[in-house]
Amino acid sequence: MNDAADVPRSTEEITVAKKSGKKSSKKSSGKKAKPSKKDLRKAAKAEVKKQQKLAKAALQKKADQAKKAAKKAKQAAKQAKKDAARAIHVVKDALIVPADEVPATKPAPAAPRPARTPATTPKLAGLTVTQLRARARTAGLVGYSRMTKADLLERLDTK
């Protein structure tokens, strides 16, 4: 390491050391020389450049990290897409049954509808569906808005 005697003590010694290319071994006297404005400006510019360089390096590092993260995310999405395609293919293969393995069956016949009996009250049979729904509402029937005229007649006749 450097001895304390090898390190310049004032800006004047710094400039002398820079010009000569050697480290100054002079010790300053008790008084410190006041640096010139020009030297202060140079030092300030050098410090600003140093800070800018550090900031630029930090930004570049963050940008590189963001690029790596984006690349990893893109690769993960691509892999997920491939996995999904494979899964769909496996499911399709499982669902496809060869024609010779499918049993030959006839569809079951539809259940016969129960026969509707006409309303016993001729008074209700002469009403319209809207009028029958109004009566069903007052009678407290549930689901009357979806009922047909025959259903309404049947339900109102039993009440």
C-alpha atoms as a PDB file:
ATOM      1  CA  MET A   1       0.000   0.000   0.000  1.00  0.00           C
ATOM      2  CA  ASN A   2       0.996   3.638  -0.257  1.00  0.00           C
ATOM      3  CA  ASP A   3       2.627   5.399   2.622  1.00  0.00           C
ATOM      4  CA  ALA A   4       1.031   8.551   3.896  1.00  0.00           C
ATOM      5  CA  ALA A   5       4.126  10.430   2.748  1.00  0.00           C
ATOM      6  CA  ASP A   6       3.528   9.374  -0.891  1.00  0.00           C
ATOM      7  CA  VAL A   7      -0.004  10.794  -1.015  1.00  0.00           C
ATOM      8  CA  PRO A   8      -0.213  14.448  -2.139  1.00  0.00           C
ATOM      9  CA  ARG A   9      -1.811  16.748   0.433  1.00  0.00           C
ATOM     10  CA  SER A  10      -3.068  19.709  -1.571  1.00  0.00           C
ATOM     11  CA  THR A  11      -4.444  20.353  -5.031  1.00  0.00           C
ATOM     12  CA  GLU A  12      -1.264  22.205  -5.867  1.00  0.00           C
ATOM     13  CA  GLU A  13       0.762  19.107  -5.144  1.00  0.00           C
ATOM     14  CA  ILE A  14      -1.758  17.055  -7.132  1.00  0.00           C
ATOM     15  CA  THR A  15      -1.262  19.233 -10.215  1.00  0.00           C
ATOM     16  CA  VAL A  16       2.528  19.143  -9.759  1.00  0.00           C
ATOM     17  CA  ALA A  17       2.386  15.369  -9.401  1.00  0.00           C
ATOM     18  CA  LYS A  18       0.220  15.073 -12.523  1.00  0.00           C
ATOM     19  CA  LYS A  19       2.577  17.228 -14.573  1.00  0.00           C
ATOM     20  CA  SER A  20       5.687  15.418 -13.473  1.00  0.00           C
ATOM     21  CA  GLY A  21       4.132  11.972 -13.588  1.00  0.00           C
ATOM     22  CA  LYS A  22       5.612  11.154 -10.187  1.00  0.00           C
ATOM     23  CA  LYS A  23       4.085  11.063  -6.791  1.00  0.00           C
ATOM     24  CA  SER A  24       5.151  13.918  -4.662  1.00  0.00           C
ATOM     25  CA  SER A  25       6.896  13.090  -1.447  1.00  0.00           C
ATOM     26  CA  LYS A  26       6.705  16.642  -0.178  1.00  0.00           C
ATOM     27  CA  LYS A  27       4.744  17.267   2.911  1.00  0.00           C
ATOM     28  CA  SER A  28       2.772  20.444   2.955  1.00  0.00           C
ATOM     29  CA  SER A  29       3.485  23.029   5.474  1.00  0.00           C
ATOM     30  CA  GLY A  30       0.858  23.836   8.075  1.00  0.00           C
ATOM     31  CA  LYS A  31      -0.969  26.031   5.558  1.00  0.00           C
ATOM     32  CA  LYS A  32      -3.054  24.380   2.918  1.00  0.00           C
ATOM     33  CA  ALA A  33      -2.991  26.050  -0.451  1.00  0.00           C
ATOM     34  CA  LYS A  34      -6.395  27.151  -1.695  1.00  0.00           C
ATOM     35  CA  PRO A  35      -7.255  25.347  -4.947  1.00  0.00           C
ATOM     36  CA  SER A  36      -7.912  27.516  -7.960  1.00  0.00           C
ATOM     37  CA  LYS A  37     -11.336  27.823  -9.557  1.00  0.00           C
ATOM     38  CA  LYS A  38     -10.063  26.063 -12.642  1.00  0.00           C
ATOM     39  CA  ASP A  39      -8.899  23.081 -10.579  1.00  0.00           C
ATOM     40  CA  LEU A  40     -12.242  22.990  -8.737  1.00  0.00           C
ATOM     41  CA  ARG A  41     -14.147  23.007 -12.021  1.00  0.00           C
ATOM     42  CA  LYS A  42     -11.999  20.180 -13.380  1.00  0.00           C
ATOM     43  CA  ALA A  43     -12.521  18.171 -10.226  1.00  0.00           C
ATOM     44  CA  ALA A  44     -16.280  18.829 -10.359  1.00  0.00           C
ATOM     45  CA  LYS A  45     -16.470  17.818 -14.041  1.00  0.00           C
ATOM     46  CA  ALA A  46     -14.501  14.676 -13.317  1.00  0.00           C
ATOM     47  CA  GLU A  47     -16.852  13.826 -10.459  1.00  0.00           C
ATOM     48  CA  VAL A  48     -19.923  14.445 -12.635  1.00  0.00           C
ATOM     49  CA  LYS A  49     -18.502  12.223 -15.384  1.00  0.00           C
ATOM     50  CA  LYS A  50     -17.753   9.540 -12.829  1.00  0.00           C
ATOM     51  CA  GLN A  51     -21.304   9.707 -11.453  1.00  0.00           C
ATOM     52  CA  GLN A  52     -22.762   9.649 -14.964  1.00  0.00           C
ATOM     53  CA  LYS A  53     -20.669   6.629 -15.834  1.00  0.00           C
ATOM     54  CA  LEU A  54     -21.827   4.833 -12.686  1.00  0.00           C
ATOM     55  CA  ALA A  55     -25.468   5.710 -13.364  1.00  0.00           C
ATOM     56  CA  LYS A  56     -25.170   4.556 -16.974  1.00  0.00           C
ATOM     57  CA  ALA A  57     -23.625   1.269 -15.852  1.00  0.00           C
ATOM     58  CA  ALA A  58     -26.433   0.742 -13.307  1.00  0.00           C
ATOM     59  CA  LEU A  59     -29.091   1.448 -15.936  1.00  0.00           C
ATOM     60  CA  GLN A  60     -27.399  -0.905 -18.384  1.00  0.00           C
ATOM     61  CA  LYS A  61     -27.305  -3.614 -15.727  1.00  0.00           C
ATOM     62  CA  LYS A  62     -31.016  -3.173 -15.005  1.00  0.00           C
ATOM     63  CA  ALA A  63     -31.815  -3.197 -18.728  1.00  0.00           C
ATOM     64  CA  ASP A  64     -29.841  -6.418 -19.167  1.00  0.00           C
ATOM     65  CA  GLN A  65     -31.696  -7.988 -16.233  1.00  0.00           C
ATOM     66  CA  ALA A  66     -35.033  -6.926 -17.717  1.00  0.00           C
ATOM     67  CA  LYS A  67     -34.059  -8.397 -21.090  1.00  0.00           C
ATOM     68  CA  LYS A  68     -33.089 -11.685 -19.443  1.00  0.00           C
ATOM     69  CA  ALA A  69     -36.359 -11.788 -17.504  1.00  0.00           C
ATOM     70  CA  ALA A  70     -38.363 -11.074 -20.665  1.00  0.00           C
ATOM     71  CA  LYS A  71     -36.489 -13.772 -22.528  1.00  0.00           C
ATOM     72  CA  LYS A  72     -37.176 -16.291 -19.751  1.00  0.00           C
ATOM     73  CA  ALA A  73     -40.860 -15.332 -19.695  1.00  0.00           C
ATOM     74  CA  LYS A  74     -41.077 -15.721 -23.455  1.00  0.00           C
ATOM     75  CA  GLN A  75     -39.443 -19.143 -23.269  1.00  0.00           C
ATOM     76  CA  ALA A  76     -41.790 -20.178 -20.456  1.00  0.00           C
ATOM     77  CA  ALA A  77     -44.821 -19.070 -22.483  1.00  0.00           C
ATOM     78  CA  LYS A  78     -43.540 -20.964 -25.511  1.00  0.00           C
ATOM     79  CA  GLN A  79     -43.025 -24.098 -23.401  1.00  0.00           C
ATOM     80  CA  ALA A  80     -46.504 -23.738 -21.874  1.00  0.00           C
ATOM     81  CA  LYS A  81     -47.993 -23.460 -25.351  1.00  0.00           C
ATOM     82  CA  LYS A  82     -46.165 -26.636 -26.424  1.00  0.00           C
ATOM     83  CA  ASP A  83     -47.330 -28.442 -23.278  1.00  0.00           C
ATOM     84  CA  ALA A  84     -50.925 -27.359 -23.902  1.00  0.00           C
ATOM     85  CA  ALA A  85     -50.744 -28.565 -27.508  1.00  0.00           C
ATOM     86  CA  ARG A  86     -49.394 -31.931 -26.326  1.00  0.00           C
ATOM     87  CA  ALA A  87     -52.148 -32.197 -23.716  1.00  0.00           C
ATOM     88  CA  ILE A  88     -54.834 -31.431 -26.304  1.00  0.00           C
ATOM     89  CA  HIS A  89     -53.353 -34.037 -28.628  1.00  0.00           C
ATOM     90  CA  VAL A  90     -53.373 -36.652 -25.848  1.00  0.00           C
ATOM     91  CA  VAL A  91     -56.994 -35.844 -24.974  1.00  0.00           C
ATOM     92  CA  LYS A  92     -58.070 -36.021 -28.616  1.00  0.00           C
ATOM     93  CA  ASP A  93     -56.337 -39.365 -29.000  1.00  0.00           C
ATOM     94  CA  ALA A  94     -58.107 -40.648 -25.899  1.00  0.00           C
ATOM     95  CA  LEU A  95     -61.504 -39.446 -27.143  1.00  0.00           C
ATOM     96  CA  ILE A  96     -61.211 -40.868 -30.640  1.00  0.00           C
ATOM     97  CA  VAL A  97     -62.588 -44.397 -30.689  1.00  0.00           C
ATOM     98  CA  PRO A  98     -62.090 -46.501 -33.805  1.00  0.00           C
ATOM     99  CA  ALA A  99     -65.295 -47.284 -35.724  1.00  0.00           C
ATOM    100  CA  ASP A 100     -64.938 -51.044 -35.212  1.00  0.00           C
ATOM    101  CA  GLU A 101     -64.915 -50.569 -31.398  1.00  0.00           C
ATOM    102  CA  VAL A 102     -68.094 -48.456 -31.258  1.00  0.00           C
ATOM    103  CA  PRO A 103     -71.097 -50.632 -30.368  1.00  0.00           C
ATOM    104  CA  ALA A 104     -73.934 -50.463 -32.882  1.00  0.00           C
ATOM    105  CA  THR A 105     -76.936 -49.357 -30.855  1.00  0.00           C
ATOM    106  CA  LYS A 106     -80.102 -47.667 -31.807  1.00  0.00           C
ATOM    107  CA  PRO A 107     -81.076 -44.485 -30.054  1.00  0.00           C
ATOM    108  CA  ALA A 108     -83.646 -44.974 -27.321  1.00  0.00           C
ATOM    109  CA  PRO A 109     -87.173 -43.927 -28.302  1.00  0.00           C
ATOM    110  CA  ALA A 110     -88.424 -40.739 -26.754  1.00  0.00           C
ATOM    111  CA  ALA A 111     -90.740 -41.148 -23.791  1.00  0.00           C
ATOM    112  CA  PRO A 112     -94.373 -40.615 -24.752  1.00  0.00           C
ATOM    113  CA  ARG A 113     -95.954 -37.426 -23.538  1.00  0.00           C
ATOM    114  CA  PRO A 114     -98.746 -37.776 -21.059  1.00  0.00           C
ATOM    115  CA  ALA A 115    -102.146 -37.030 -22.504  1.00  0.00           C
ATOM    116  CA  ARG A 116    -103.530 -33.684 -21.500  1.00  0.00           C
ATOM    117  CA  THR A 117    -106.984 -33.479 -20.227  1.00  0.00           C
ATOM    118  CA  PRO A 118    -109.048 -30.518 -21.231  1.00  0.00           C
ATOM    119  CA  ALA A 119    -110.027 -28.088 -18.524  1.00  0.00           C
ATOM    120  CA  THR A 120    -113.205 -29.042 -16.817  1.00  0.00           C
ATOM    121  CA  THR A 121    -114.159 -25.437 -16.231  1.00  0.00           C
ATOM    122  CA  PRO A 122    -115.372 -23.953 -19.530  1.00  0.00           C
ATOM    123  CA  LYS A 123    -115.023 -20.524 -17.959  1.00  0.00           C
ATOM    124  CA  LEU A 124    -111.195 -20.868 -17.786  1.00  0.00           C
ATOM    125  CA  ALA A 125    -110.865 -22.396 -21.261  1.00  0.00           C
ATOM    126  CA  GLY A 126    -112.256 -19.240 -22.860  1.00  0.00           C
ATOM    127  CA  LEU A 127    -109.534 -16.991 -21.319  1.00  0.00           C
ATOM    128  CA  THR A 128    -106.323 -15.937 -23.072  1.00  0.00           C
ATOM    129  CA  VAL A 129    -102.847 -16.942 -21.878  1.00  0.00           C
ATOM    130  CA  THR A 130    -102.258 -13.442 -20.500  1.00  0.00           C
ATOM    131  CA  GLN A 131    -105.481 -13.595 -18.511  1.00  0.00           C
ATOM    132  CA  LEU A 132    -104.623 -17.079 -17.248  1.00  0.00           C
ATOM    133  CA  ARG A 133    -101.163 -15.867 -16.143  1.00  0.00           C
ATOM    134  CA  ALA A 134    -102.771 -12.993 -14.258  1.00  0.00           C
ATOM    135  CA  ARG A 135    -105.023 -15.473 -12.418  1.00  0.00           C
ATOM    136  CA  ALA A 136    -101.991 -17.717 -11.716  1.00  0.00           C
ATOM    137  CA  ARG A 137    -100.163 -14.729 -10.245  1.00  0.00           C
ATOM    138  CA  THR A 138    -103.064 -13.920  -7.919  1.00  0.00           C
ATOM    139  CA  ALA A 139    -103.380 -17.621  -6.992  1.00  0.00           C
ATOM    140  CA  GLY A 140     -99.675 -17.622  -6.006  1.00  0.00           C
ATOM    141  CA  LEU A 141     -98.456 -20.168  -8.554  1.00  0.00           C
ATOM    142  CA  VAL A 142     -94.694 -20.323  -9.066  1.00  0.00           C
ATOM    143  CA  GLY A 143     -93.263 -20.419 -12.614  1.00  0.00           C
ATOM    144  CA  TYR A 144     -96.490 -19.331 -14.326  1.00  0.00           C
ATOM    145  CA  SER A 145     -94.651 -17.118 -16.849  1.00  0.00           C
ATOM    146  CA  ARG A 146     -93.062 -20.197 -18.477  1.00  0.00           C
ATOM    147  CA  MET A 147     -96.255 -22.275 -18.559  1.00  0.00           C
ATOM    148  CA  THR A 148     -98.288 -22.971 -21.661  1.00  0.00           C
ATOM    149  CA  LYS A 149    -102.000 -22.392 -21.815  1.00  0.00           C
ATOM    150  CA  ALA A 150    -102.674 -26.084 -21.197  1.00  0.00           C
ATOM    151  CA  ASP A 151    -100.370 -26.090 -18.135  1.00  0.00           C
ATOM    152  CA  LEU A 152    -102.029 -22.956 -16.786  1.00  0.00           C
ATOM    153  CA  LEU A 153    -105.510 -24.446 -17.280  1.00  0.00           C
ATOM    154  CA  GLU A 154    -104.459 -27.665 -15.558  1.00  0.00           C
ATOM    155  CA  ARG A 155    -102.816 -25.932 -12.578  1.00  0.00           C
ATOM    156  CA  LEU A 156    -105.588 -23.373 -12.109  1.00  0.00           C
ATOM    157  CA  ASP A 157    -108.245 -26.077 -12.390  1.00  0.00           C
ATOM    158  CA  THR A 158    -106.660 -28.078  -9.538  1.00  0.00           C
ATOM    159  CA  LYS A 159    -106.506 -25.057  -7.220  1.00  0.00           C
END
